[in-house]
Amino acid sequence: MKTLKQIERLRKANKLIKQQNTGTPFEFASKLHVSERELYRLIEYFKEIDARISYSRNSNTYYYKEDFDLLVNIKIQVLVREEIKTIYAGSSFLRRNFEEKPLFSTTAMFGQ
């Protein structure tokens, strides 16, 4: 479930940045339930996916310098008997490889 938490954190961070309602880095980190160090890693990740983020000291908020949006899709599928299902990272698995334990997949799609 760690992946779901990370995806939700990205979604929430994007929303707060778009609303220009992040607060100081300390406040923003608190809203996301992460340390300031983790917040800076998250901001660097956004920059890696071409989000132009800046911080306004006057308004005490992060904001996007250009239009940017983050689309997050999550898909959970139950794999049944010998059926092959594609997990969107590009790998395919057979249920028998996972010993009768339930298996689900999550996907995230990021775009502008």
PDB file of N, CA and C in Angstrom:
ATOM      1  N   MET A   1       0.806  -1.200   0.000  1.00  0.00           N
ATOM      2  CA  MET A   1       0.000   0.000   0.000  1.00  0.00           C
ATOM      3  C   MET A   1       0.852   1.269   0.000  1.00  0.00           C
ATOM      4  N   LYS A   2       2.138   1.112   0.129  1.00  0.00           N
ATOM      5  CA  LYS A   2       3.032   2.269   0.124  1.00  0.00           C
ATOM      6  C   LYS A   2       2.888   3.066  -1.174  1.00  0.00           C
ATOM      7  N   THR A   3       2.750   2.375  -2.293  1.00  0.00           N
ATOM      8  CA  THR A   3       2.613   3.037  -3.582  1.00  0.00           C
ATOM      9  C   THR A   3       1.359   3.897  -3.621  1.00  0.00           C
ATOM     10  N   LEU A   4       0.264   3.399  -3.080  1.00  0.00           N
ATOM     11  CA  LEU A   4      -0.970   4.180  -3.051  1.00  0.00           C
ATOM     12  C   LEU A   4      -0.802   5.453  -2.231  1.00  0.00           C
ATOM     13  N   LYS A   5      -0.083   5.374  -1.129  1.00  0.00           N
ATOM     14  CA  LYS A   5       0.169   6.563  -0.308  1.00  0.00           C
ATOM     15  C   LYS A   5       1.010   7.577  -1.078  1.00  0.00           C
ATOM     16  N   GLN A   6       2.010   7.098  -1.805  1.00  0.00           N
ATOM     17  CA  GLN A   6       2.858   8.000  -2.582  1.00  0.00           C
ATOM     18  C   GLN A   6       2.060   8.685  -3.691  1.00  0.00           C
ATOM     19  N   ILE A   7       1.191   7.927  -4.343  1.00  0.00           N
ATOM     20  CA  ILE A   7       0.364   8.502  -5.407  1.00  0.00           C
ATOM     21  C   ILE A   7      -0.584   9.545  -4.823  1.00  0.00           C
ATOM     22  N   GLU A   8      -1.187   9.244  -3.698  1.00  0.00           N
ATOM     23  CA  GLU A   8      -2.089  10.200  -3.043  1.00  0.00           C
ATOM     24  C   GLU A   8      -1.323  11.451  -2.627  1.00  0.00           C
ATOM     25  N   ARG A   9      -0.105  11.289  -2.158  1.00  0.00           N
ATOM     26  CA  ARG A   9       0.720  12.436  -1.766  1.00  0.00           C
ATOM     27  C   ARG A   9       1.022  13.322  -2.977  1.00  0.00           C
ATOM     28  N   LEU A  10       1.335  12.723  -4.121  1.00  0.00           N
ATOM     29  CA  LEU A  10       1.567  13.500  -5.349  1.00  0.00           C
ATOM     30  C   LEU A  10       0.313  14.273  -5.736  1.00  0.00           C
ATOM     31  N   ARG A  11      -0.832  13.603  -5.673  1.00  0.00           N
ATOM     32  CA  ARG A  11      -2.100  14.247  -6.023  1.00  0.00           C
ATOM     33  C   ARG A  11      -2.389  15.438  -5.119  1.00  0.00           C
ATOM     34  N   LYS A  12      -2.190  15.248  -3.812  1.00  0.00           N
ATOM     35  CA  LYS A  12      -2.461  16.322  -2.845  1.00  0.00           C
ATOM     36  C   LYS A  12      -1.475  17.473  -3.016  1.00  0.00           C
ATOM     37  N   ALA A  13      -0.204  17.168  -3.234  1.00  0.00           N
ATOM     38  CA  ALA A  13       0.800  18.216  -3.442  1.00  0.00           C
ATOM     39  C   ALA A  13       0.450  19.040  -4.667  1.00  0.00           C
ATOM     40  N   ASN A  14       0.080  18.377  -5.754  1.00  0.00           N
ATOM     41  CA  ASN A  14      -0.310  19.072  -6.977  1.00  0.00           C
ATOM     42  C   ASN A  14      -1.483  20.013  -6.721  1.00  0.00           C
ATOM     43  N   LYS A  15      -2.477  19.533  -5.998  1.00  0.00           N
ATOM     44  CA  LYS A  15      -3.664  20.346  -5.703  1.00  0.00           C
ATOM     45  C   LYS A  15      -3.285  21.596  -4.915  1.00  0.00           C
ATOM     46  N   LEU A  16      -2.464  21.428  -3.877  1.00  0.00           N
ATOM     47  CA  LEU A  16      -2.069  22.567  -3.052  1.00  0.00           C
ATOM     48  C   LEU A  16      -1.225  23.571  -3.839  1.00  0.00           C
ATOM     49  N   ILE A  17      -0.350  23.075  -4.700  1.00  0.00           N
ATOM     50  CA  ILE A  17       0.472  23.970  -5.521  1.00  0.00           C
ATOM     51  C   ILE A  17      -0.416  24.736  -6.495  1.00  0.00           C
ATOM     52  N   LYS A  18      -1.347  24.056  -7.148  1.00  0.00           N
ATOM     53  CA  LYS A  18      -2.258  24.724  -8.099  1.00  0.00           C
ATOM     54  C   LYS A  18      -3.101  25.791  -7.397  1.00  0.00           C
ATOM     55  N   GLN A  19      -3.504  25.521  -6.166  1.00  0.00           N
ATOM     56  CA  GLN A  19      -4.308  26.479  -5.407  1.00  0.00           C
ATOM     57  C   GLN A  19      -3.442  27.576  -4.776  1.00  0.00           C
ATOM     58  N   GLN A  20      -2.138  27.437  -4.902  1.00  0.00           N
ATOM     59  CA  GLN A  20      -1.173  28.332  -4.249  1.00  0.00           C
ATOM     60  C   GLN A  20      -1.500  28.457  -2.765  1.00  0.00           C
ATOM     61  N   ASN A  21      -1.626  27.282  -2.139  1.00  0.00           N
ATOM     62  CA  ASN A  21      -2.013  27.198  -0.739  1.00  0.00           C
ATOM     63  C   ASN A  21      -1.128  26.216   0.023  1.00  0.00           C
ATOM     64  N   THR A  22       0.176  26.215  -0.297  1.00  0.00           N
ATOM     65  CA  THR A  22       1.069  25.249   0.347  1.00  0.00           C
ATOM     66  C   THR A  22       1.552  25.724   1.709  1.00  0.00           C
ATOM     67  N   GLY A  23       1.676  27.025   1.877  1.00  0.00           N
ATOM     68  CA  GLY A  23       2.302  27.553   3.086  1.00  0.00           C
ATOM     69  C   GLY A  23       3.808  27.448   2.960  1.00  0.00           C
ATOM     70  N   THR A  24       4.492  27.655   4.047  1.00  0.00           N
ATOM     71  CA  THR A  24       5.953  27.557   4.075  1.00  0.00           C
ATOM     72  C   THR A  24       6.353  26.103   3.809  1.00  0.00           C
ATOM     73  N   PRO A  25       7.637  25.858   3.518  1.00  0.00           N
ATOM     74  CA  PRO A  25       8.050  24.457   3.339  1.00  0.00           C
ATOM     75  C   PRO A  25       7.694  23.580   4.546  1.00  0.00           C
ATOM     76  N   PHE A  26       7.869  24.116   5.754  1.00  0.00           N
ATOM     77  CA  PHE A  26       7.517  23.345   6.950  1.00  0.00           C
ATOM     78  C   PHE A  26       6.020  23.022   6.966  1.00  0.00           C
ATOM     79  N   GLU A  27       5.179  24.025   6.663  1.00  0.00           N
ATOM     80  CA  GLU A  27       3.731  23.813   6.655  1.00  0.00           C
ATOM     81  C   GLU A  27       3.309  22.849   5.548  1.00  0.00           C
ATOM     82  N   PHE A  28       3.932  23.000   4.378  1.00  0.00           N
ATOM     83  CA  PHE A  28       3.626  22.118   3.251  1.00  0.00           C
ATOM     84  C   PHE A  28       3.971  20.676   3.601  1.00  0.00           C
ATOM     85  N   ALA A  29       5.141  20.476   4.182  1.00  0.00           N
ATOM     86  CA  ALA A  29       5.550  19.129   4.591  1.00  0.00           C
ATOM     87  C   ALA A  29       4.564  18.556   5.605  1.00  0.00           C
ATOM     88  N   SER A  30       4.115  19.384   6.524  1.00  0.00           N
ATOM     89  CA  SER A  30       3.148  18.929   7.538  1.00  0.00           C
ATOM     90  C   SER A  30       1.836  18.522   6.891  1.00  0.00           C
ATOM     91  N   LYS A  31       1.372  19.295   5.905  1.00  0.00           N
ATOM     92  CA  LYS A  31       0.120  18.970   5.214  1.00  0.00           C
ATOM     93  C   LYS A  31       0.212  17.632   4.478  1.00  0.00           C
ATOM     94  N   LEU A  32       1.424  17.292   4.033  1.00  0.00           N
ATOM     95  CA  LEU A  32       1.632  16.036   3.310  1.00  0.00           C
ATOM     96  C   LEU A  32       2.080  14.897   4.221  1.00  0.00           C
ATOM     97  N   HIS A  33       2.279  15.201   5.505  1.00  0.00           N
ATOM     98  CA  HIS A  33       2.726  14.217   6.495  1.00  0.00           C
ATOM     99  C   HIS A  33       4.095  13.632   6.122  1.00  0.00           C
ATOM    100  N   VAL A  34       5.019  14.515   5.723  1.00  0.00           N
ATOM    101  CA  VAL A  34       6.382  14.106   5.407  1.00  0.00           C
ATOM    102  C   VAL A  34       7.352  15.085   6.054  1.00  0.00           C
ATOM    103  N   SER A  35       8.627  14.722   6.072  1.00  0.00           N
ATOM    104  CA  SER A  35       9.647  15.635   6.571  1.00  0.00           C
ATOM    105  C   SER A  35       9.934  16.696   5.511  1.00  0.00           C
ATOM    106  N   GLU A  36      10.593  17.775   5.901  1.00  0.00           N
ATOM    107  CA  GLU A  36      10.964  18.797   4.923  1.00  0.00           C
ATOM    108  C   GLU A  36      11.908  18.215   3.871  1.00  0.00           C
ATOM    109  N   ARG A  37      12.807  17.357   4.294  1.00  0.00           N
ATOM    110  CA  ARG A  37      13.730  16.722   3.350  1.00  0.00           C
ATOM    111  C   ARG A  37      12.956  15.940   2.278  1.00  0.00           C
ATOM    112  N   GLU A  38      11.944  15.182   2.719  1.00  0.00           N
ATOM    113  CA  GLU A  38      11.123  14.421   1.778  1.00  0.00           C
ATOM    114  C   GLU A  38      10.329  15.359   0.873  1.00  0.00           C
ATOM    115  N   LEU A  39       9.891  16.486   1.421  1.00  0.00           N
ATOM    116  CA  LEU A  39       9.184  17.476   0.607  1.00  0.00           C
ATOM    117  C   LEU A  39      10.081  17.975  -0.520  1.00  0.00           C
ATOM    118  N   TYR A  40      11.330  18.284  -0.210  1.00  0.00           N
ATOM    119  CA  TYR A  40      12.249  18.775  -1.246  1.00  0.00           C
ATOM    120  C   TYR A  40      12.497  17.703  -2.313  1.00  0.00           C
ATOM    121  N   ARG A  41      12.529  16.440  -1.908  1.00  0.00           N
ATOM    122  CA  ARG A  41      12.643  15.358  -2.890  1.00  0.00           C
ATOM    123  C   ARG A  41      11.416  15.316  -3.794  1.00  0.00           C
ATOM    124  N   LEU A  42      10.251  15.504  -3.201  1.00  0.00           N
ATOM    125  CA  LEU A  42       9.009  15.510  -3.961  1.00  0.00           C
ATOM    126  C   LEU A  42       8.997  16.668  -4.968  1.00  0.00           C
ATOM    127  N   ILE A  43       9.440  17.832  -4.541  1.00  0.00           N
ATOM    128  CA  ILE A  43       9.504  18.995  -5.444  1.00  0.00           C
ATOM    129  C   ILE A  43      10.487  18.722  -6.572  1.00  0.00           C
ATOM    130  N   GLU A  44      11.607  18.092  -6.269  1.00  0.00           N
ATOM    131  CA  GLU A  44      12.564  17.740  -7.323  1.00  0.00           C
ATOM    132  C   GLU A  44      11.948  16.752  -8.309  1.00  0.00           C
ATOM    133  N   TYR A  45      11.143  15.832  -7.806  1.00  0.00           N
ATOM    134  CA  TYR A  45      10.468  14.882  -8.693  1.00  0.00           C
ATOM    135  C   TYR A  45       9.540  15.636  -9.648  1.00  0.00           C
ATOM    136  N   PHE A  46       8.762  16.568  -9.115  1.00  0.00           N
ATOM    137  CA  PHE A  46       7.888  17.362  -9.970  1.00  0.00           C
ATOM    138  C   PHE A  46       8.704  18.077 -11.050  1.00  0.00           C
ATOM    139  N   LYS A  47       9.849  18.604 -10.671  1.00  0.00           N
ATOM    140  CA  LYS A  47      10.694  19.298 -11.648  1.00  0.00           C
ATOM    141  C   LYS A  47      11.222  18.327 -12.706  1.00  0.00           C
ATOM    142  N   GLU A  48      11.498  17.093 -12.308  1.00  0.00           N
ATOM    143  CA  GLU A  48      11.972  16.084 -13.257  1.00  0.00           C
ATOM    144  C   GLU A  48      10.909  15.746 -14.300  1.00  0.00           C
ATOM    145  N   ILE A  49       9.644  15.889 -13.934  1.00  0.00           N
ATOM    146  CA  ILE A  49       8.570  15.620 -14.901  1.00  0.00           C
ATOM    147  C   ILE A  49       8.064  16.934 -15.514  1.00  0.00           C
ATOM    148  N   ASP A  50       8.951  17.913 -15.548  1.00  0.00           N
ATOM    149  CA  ASP A  50       8.752  19.184 -16.250  1.00  0.00           C
ATOM    150  C   ASP A  50       7.759  20.151 -15.615  1.00  0.00           C
ATOM    151  N   ALA A  51       7.542  20.061 -14.338  1.00  0.00           N
ATOM    152  CA  ALA A  51       6.728  21.059 -13.640  1.00  0.00           C
ATOM    153  C   ALA A  51       7.661  22.208 -13.245  1.00  0.00           C
ATOM    154  N   ARG A  52       7.334  23.405 -13.671  1.00  0.00           N
ATOM    155  CA  ARG A  52       8.143  24.572 -13.311  1.00  0.00           C
ATOM    156  C   ARG A  52       7.570  25.157 -12.030  1.00  0.00           C
ATOM    157  N   ILE A  53       8.190  24.790 -10.907  1.00  0.00           N
ATOM    158  CA  ILE A  53       7.708  25.194  -9.584  1.00  0.00           C
ATOM    159  C   ILE A  53       8.640  26.257  -9.014  1.00  0.00           C
ATOM    160  N   SER A  54       8.039  27.268  -8.400  1.00  0.00           N
ATOM    161  CA  SER A  54       8.790  28.297  -7.682  1.00  0.00           C
ATOM    162  C   SER A  54       8.144  28.510  -6.325  1.00  0.00           C
ATOM    163  N   TYR A  55       8.872  29.223  -5.487  1.00  0.00           N
ATOM    164  CA  TYR A  55       8.356  29.557  -4.159  1.00  0.00           C
ATOM    165  C   TYR A  55       8.277  31.071  -4.043  1.00  0.00           C
ATOM    166  N   SER A  56       7.161  31.573  -3.563  1.00  0.00           N
ATOM    167  CA  SER A  56       6.987  33.005  -3.335  1.00  0.00           C
ATOM    168  C   SER A  56       7.152  33.292  -1.844  1.00  0.00           C
ATOM    169  N   ARG A  57       8.170  34.068  -1.519  1.00  0.00           N
ATOM    170  CA  ARG A  57       8.371  34.443  -0.107  1.00  0.00           C
ATOM    171  C   ARG A  57       7.299  35.425   0.359  1.00  0.00           C
ATOM    172  N   ASN A  58       6.789  36.245  -0.567  1.00  0.00           N
ATOM    173  CA  ASN A  58       5.741  37.198  -0.199  1.00  0.00           C
ATOM    174  C   ASN A  58       4.442  36.481   0.169  1.00  0.00           C
ATOM    175  N   SER A  59       4.080  35.494  -0.602  1.00  0.00           N
ATOM    176  CA  SER A  59       2.829  34.763  -0.368  1.00  0.00           C
ATOM    177  C   SER A  59       3.012  33.508   0.475  1.00  0.00           C
ATOM    178  N   ASN A  60       4.263  33.139   0.736  1.00  0.00           N
ATOM    179  CA  ASN A  60       4.570  31.903   1.471  1.00  0.00           C
ATOM    180  C   ASN A  60       3.880  30.699   0.854  1.00  0.00           C
ATOM    181  N   THR A  61       4.120  30.492  -0.444  1.00  0.00           N
ATOM    182  CA  THR A  61       3.526  29.333  -1.110  1.00  0.00           C
ATOM    183  C   THR A  61       4.345  28.951  -2.331  1.00  0.00           C
ATOM    184  N   TYR A  62       4.281  27.667  -2.664  1.00  0.00           N
ATOM    185  CA  TYR A  62       4.820  27.201  -3.934  1.00  0.00           C
ATOM    186  C   TYR A  62       3.745  27.418  -4.988  1.00  0.00           C
ATOM    187  N   TYR A  63       4.179  27.606  -6.225  1.00  0.00           N
ATOM    188  CA  TYR A  63       3.235  27.791  -7.324  1.00  0.00           C
ATOM    189  C   TYR A  63       3.875  27.307  -8.611  1.00  0.00           C
ATOM    190  N   TYR A  64       3.043  27.013  -9.612  1.00  0.00           N
ATOM    191  CA  TYR A  64       3.532  26.635 -10.931  1.00  0.00           C
ATOM    192  C   TYR A  64       3.749  27.899 -11.740  1.00  0.00           C
ATOM    193  N   LYS A  65       4.924  28.038 -12.361  1.00  0.00           N
ATOM    194  CA  LYS A  65       5.221  29.189 -13.206  1.00  0.00           C
ATOM    195  C   LYS A  65       4.523  29.093 -14.553  1.00  0.00           C
ATOM    196  N   GLU A  66       4.197  27.882 -14.972  1.00  0.00           N
ATOM    197  CA  GLU A  66       3.497  27.634 -16.233  1.00  0.00           C
ATOM    198  C   GLU A  66       2.375  26.646 -15.959  1.00  0.00           C
ATOM    199  N   ASP A  67       1.434  26.569 -16.891  1.00  0.00           N
ATOM    200  CA  ASP A  67       0.357  25.588 -16.743  1.00  0.00           C
ATOM    201  C   ASP A  67       0.955  24.194 -16.597  1.00  0.00           C
ATOM    202  N   PHE A  68       0.453  23.477 -15.619  1.00  0.00           N
ATOM    203  CA  PHE A  68       0.898  22.104 -15.371  1.00  0.00           C
ATOM    204  C   PHE A  68      -0.243  21.382 -14.689  1.00  0.00           C
ATOM    205  N   ASP A  69      -0.434  20.140 -15.045  1.00  0.00           N
ATOM    206  CA  ASP A  69      -1.413  19.335 -14.347  1.00  0.00           C
ATOM    207  C   ASP A  69      -0.874  17.928 -14.209  1.00  0.00           C
ATOM    208  N   LEU A  70      -1.335  17.240 -13.223  1.00  0.00           N
ATOM    209  CA  LEU A  70      -0.907  15.881 -12.928  1.00  0.00           C
ATOM    210  C   LEU A  70      -2.146  15.012 -12.944  1.00  0.00           C
ATOM    211  N   LEU A  71      -2.175  14.044 -13.828  1.00  0.00           N
ATOM    212  CA  LEU A  71      -3.288  13.118 -13.923  1.00  0.00           C
ATOM    213  C   LEU A  71      -2.849  11.796 -13.314  1.00  0.00           C
ATOM    214  N   VAL A  72      -3.574  11.339 -12.329  1.00  0.00           N
ATOM    215  CA  VAL A  72      -3.248  10.086 -11.648  1.00  0.00           C
ATOM    216  C   VAL A  72      -4.405   9.115 -11.845  1.00  0.00           C
ATOM    217  N   ASN A  73      -4.122   7.968 -12.440  1.00  0.00           N
ATOM    218  CA  ASN A  73      -5.106   6.904 -12.613  1.00  0.00           C
ATOM    219  C   ASN A  73      -4.640   5.688 -11.838  1.00  0.00           C
ATOM    220  N   ILE A  74      -5.555   5.078 -11.133  1.00  0.00           N
ATOM    221  CA  ILE A  74      -5.234   3.865 -10.383  1.00  0.00           C
ATOM    222  C   ILE A  74      -6.170   2.773 -10.870  1.00  0.00           C
ATOM    223  N   LYS A  75      -5.585   1.629 -11.184  1.00  0.00           N
ATOM    224  CA  LYS A  75      -6.390   0.502 -11.633  1.00  0.00           C
ATOM    225  C   LYS A  75      -5.995  -0.727 -10.819  1.00  0.00           C
ATOM    226  N   ILE A  76      -6.985  -1.376 -10.234  1.00  0.00           N
ATOM    227  CA  ILE A  76      -6.743  -2.593  -9.462  1.00  0.00           C
ATOM    228  C   ILE A  76      -7.484  -3.719 -10.152  1.00  0.00           C
ATOM    229  N   GLN A  77      -6.756  -4.800 -10.471  1.00  0.00           N
ATOM    230  CA  GLN A  77      -7.350  -5.951 -11.124  1.00  0.00           C
ATOM    231  C   GLN A  77      -7.037  -7.203 -10.327  1.00  0.00           C
ATOM    232  N   VAL A  78      -8.018  -8.056 -10.200  1.00  0.00           N
ATOM    233  CA  VAL A  78      -7.810  -9.352  -9.568  1.00  0.00           C
ATOM    234  C   VAL A  78      -7.431 -10.324 -10.679  1.00  0.00           C
ATOM    235  N   LEU A  79      -6.351 -11.069 -10.480  1.00  0.00           N
ATOM    236  CA  LEU A  79      -5.931 -12.064 -11.442  1.00  0.00           C
ATOM    237  C   LEU A  79      -6.588 -13.398 -11.087  1.00  0.00           C
ATOM    238  N   VAL A  80      -7.189 -14.034 -12.056  1.00  0.00           N
ATOM    239  CA  VAL A  80      -7.874 -15.300 -11.810  1.00  0.00           C
ATOM    240  C   VAL A  80      -7.196 -16.437 -12.556  1.00  0.00           C
ATOM    241  N   ARG A  81      -7.176 -17.550 -11.929  1.00  0.00           N
ATOM    242  CA  ARG A  81      -6.598 -18.780 -12.480  1.00  0.00           C
ATOM    243  C   ARG A  81      -5.512 -18.496 -13.496  1.00  0.00           C
ATOM    244  N   GLU A  82      -5.252 -19.224 -14.425  1.00  0.00           N
ATOM    245  CA  GLU A  82      -4.100 -19.115 -15.303  1.00  0.00           C
ATOM    246  C   GLU A  82      -4.136 -17.947 -16.298  1.00  0.00           C
ATOM    247  N   GLU A  83      -5.010 -17.001 -16.080  1.00  0.00           N
ATOM    248  CA  GLU A  83      -5.092 -15.868 -17.002  1.00  0.00           C
ATOM    249  C   GLU A  83      -3.873 -14.968 -16.870  1.00  0.00           C
ATOM    250  N   ILE A  84      -3.435 -14.485 -17.985  1.00  0.00           N
ATOM    251  CA  ILE A  84      -2.324 -13.547 -17.989  1.00  0.00           C
ATOM    252  C   ILE A  84      -2.911 -12.142 -18.034  1.00  0.00           C
ATOM    253  N   LYS A  85      -2.461 -11.308 -17.131  1.00  0.00           N
ATOM    254  CA  LYS A  85      -2.883  -9.907 -17.119  1.00  0.00           C
ATOM    255  C   LYS A  85      -1.620  -9.059 -17.217  1.00  0.00           C
ATOM    256  N   THR A  86      -1.719  -7.973 -17.900  1.00  0.00           N
ATOM    257  CA  THR A  86      -0.580  -7.079 -18.022  1.00  0.00           C
ATOM    258  C   THR A  86      -0.632  -6.057 -16.907  1.00  0.00           C
ATOM    259  N   ILE A  87       0.454  -5.937 -16.209  1.00  0.00           N
ATOM    260  CA  ILE A  87       0.605  -4.891 -15.213  1.00  0.00           C
ATOM    261  C   ILE A  87       1.309  -3.753 -15.938  1.00  0.00           C
ATOM    262  N   TYR A  88       0.790  -2.568 -15.848  1.00  0.00           N
ATOM    263  CA  TYR A  88       1.145  -1.483 -16.738  1.00  0.00           C
ATOM    264  C   TYR A  88       2.603  -1.035 -16.700  1.00  0.00           C
ATOM    265  N   ALA A  89       3.437  -1.659 -15.926  1.00  0.00           N
ATOM    266  CA  ALA A  89       4.863  -1.361 -15.988  1.00  0.00           C
ATOM    267  C   ALA A  89       5.481  -2.108 -17.159  1.00  0.00           C
ATOM    268  N   GLY A  90       4.690  -2.871 -17.879  1.00  0.00           N
ATOM    269  CA  GLY A  90       5.167  -3.565 -19.058  1.00  0.00           C
ATOM    270  C   GLY A  90       5.493  -5.021 -18.824  1.00  0.00           C
ATOM    271  N   SER A  91       5.203  -5.540 -17.637  1.00  0.00           N
ATOM    272  CA  SER A  91       5.492  -6.933 -17.317  1.00  0.00           C
ATOM    273  C   SER A  91       4.209  -7.729 -17.241  1.00  0.00           C
ATOM    274  N   SER A  92       4.283  -8.993 -17.599  1.00  0.00           N
ATOM    275  CA  SER A  92       3.132  -9.886 -17.483  1.00  0.00           C
ATOM    276  C   SER A  92       3.457 -10.986 -16.483  1.00  0.00           C
ATOM    277  N   PHE A  93       2.443 -11.429 -15.742  1.00  0.00           N
ATOM    278  CA  PHE A  93       2.635 -12.450 -14.725  1.00  0.00           C
ATOM    279  C   PHE A  93       1.519 -13.476 -14.814  1.00  0.00           C
ATOM    280  N   LEU A  94       1.807 -14.681 -14.423  1.00  0.00           N
ATOM    281  CA  LEU A  94       0.783 -15.719 -14.274  1.00  0.00           C
ATOM    282  C   LEU A  94       0.448 -15.842 -12.796  1.00  0.00           C
ATOM    283  N   ARG A  95      -0.809 -16.070 -12.506  1.00  0.00           N
ATOM    284  CA  ARG A  95      -1.222 -16.203 -11.110  1.00  0.00           C
ATOM    285  C   ARG A  95      -0.466 -17.331 -10.411  1.00  0.00           C
ATOM    286  N   ARG A  96      -0.176 -18.415 -11.102  1.00  0.00           N
ATOM    287  CA  ARG A  96       0.505 -19.538 -10.440  1.00  0.00           C
ATOM    288  C   ARG A  96       1.874 -19.138  -9.912  1.00  0.00           C
ATOM    289  N   ASN A  97       2.445 -18.083 -10.406  1.00  0.00           N
ATOM    290  CA  ASN A  97       3.739 -17.610  -9.906  1.00  0.00           C
ATOM    291  C   ASN A  97       3.634 -16.980  -8.528  1.00  0.00           C
ATOM    292  N   PHE A  98       2.401 -16.727  -8.063  1.00  0.00           N
ATOM    293  CA  PHE A  98       2.225 -16.020  -6.808  1.00  0.00           C
ATOM    294  C   PHE A  98       1.531 -16.849  -5.748  1.00  0.00           C
ATOM    295  N   GLU A  99       1.571 -18.160  -5.860  1.00  0.00           N
ATOM    296  CA  GLU A  99       1.052 -19.080  -4.864  1.00  0.00           C
ATOM    297  C   GLU A  99      -0.365 -18.778  -4.443  1.00  0.00           C
ATOM    298  N   GLU A 100      -1.341 -18.627  -5.060  1.00  0.00           N
ATOM    299  CA  GLU A 100      -2.720 -18.442  -4.621  1.00  0.00           C
ATOM    300  C   GLU A 100      -2.950 -17.230  -3.713  1.00  0.00           C
ATOM    301  N   LYS A 101      -2.017 -16.313  -3.574  1.00  0.00           N
ATOM    302  CA  LYS A 101      -2.251 -15.090  -2.809  1.00  0.00           C
ATOM    303  C   LYS A 101      -2.927 -14.086  -3.736  1.00  0.00           C
ATOM    304  N   PRO A 102      -3.831 -13.251  -3.200  1.00  0.00           N
ATOM    305  CA  PRO A 102      -4.444 -12.232  -4.057  1.00  0.00           C
ATOM    306  C   PRO A 102      -3.365 -11.270  -4.558  1.00  0.00           C
ATOM    307  N   LEU A 103      -3.539 -10.805  -5.740  1.00  0.00           N
ATOM    308  CA  LEU A 103      -2.581  -9.891  -6.334  1.00  0.00           C
ATOM    309  C   LEU A 103      -3.340  -8.736  -6.943  1.00  0.00           C
ATOM    310  N   PHE A 104      -2.817  -7.550  -6.781  1.00  0.00           N
ATOM    311  CA  PHE A 104      -3.430  -6.402  -7.433  1.00  0.00           C
ATOM    312  C   PHE A 104      -2.334  -5.563  -8.039  1.00  0.00           C
ATOM    313  N   SER A 105      -2.708  -4.699  -8.945  1.00  0.00           N
ATOM    314  CA  SER A 105      -1.731  -3.808  -9.563  1.00  0.00           C
ATOM    315  C   SER A 105      -2.231  -2.390  -9.457  1.00  0.00           C
ATOM    316  N   THR A 106      -1.296  -1.471  -9.386  1.00  0.00           N
ATOM    317  CA  THR A 106      -1.644  -0.055  -9.418  1.00  0.00           C
ATOM    318  C   THR A 106      -0.863   0.564 -10.549  1.00  0.00           C
ATOM    319  N   THR A 107      -1.434   1.556 -11.155  1.00  0.00           N
ATOM    320  CA  THR A 107      -0.736   2.280 -12.191  1.00  0.00           C
ATOM    321  C   THR A 107      -0.887   3.745 -11.950  1.00  0.00           C
ATOM    322  N   ALA A 108       0.084   4.488 -12.355  1.00  0.00           N
ATOM    323  CA  ALA A 108      -0.003   5.945 -12.278  1.00  0.00           C
ATOM    324  C   ALA A 108       0.411   6.493 -13.607  1.00  0.00           C
ATOM    325  N   MET A 109      -0.340   7.420 -14.097  1.00  0.00           N
ATOM    326  CA  MET A 109      -0.023   8.028 -15.369  1.00  0.00           C
ATOM    327  C   MET A 109       0.101   9.517 -15.126  1.00  0.00           C
ATOM    328  N   PHE A 110       1.242  10.073 -15.452  1.00  0.00           N
ATOM    329  CA  PHE A 110       1.494  11.476 -15.207  1.00  0.00           C
ATOM    330  C   PHE A 110       1.476  12.209 -16.537  1.00  0.00           C
ATOM    331  N   GLY A 111       0.833  13.326 -16.576  1.00  0.00           N
ATOM    332  CA  GLY A 111       0.777  14.077 -17.820  1.00  0.00           C
ATOM    333  C   GLY A 111       0.562  15.543 -17.575  1.00  0.00           C
ATOM    334  N   GLN A 112       0.602  16.257 -18.642  1.00  0.00           N
ATOM    335  CA  GLN A 112       0.385  17.701 -18.550  1.00  0.00           C
ATOM    336  C   GLN A 112      -0.868  18.063 -19.265  1.00  0.00           C
TER     337      GLN A 112
END
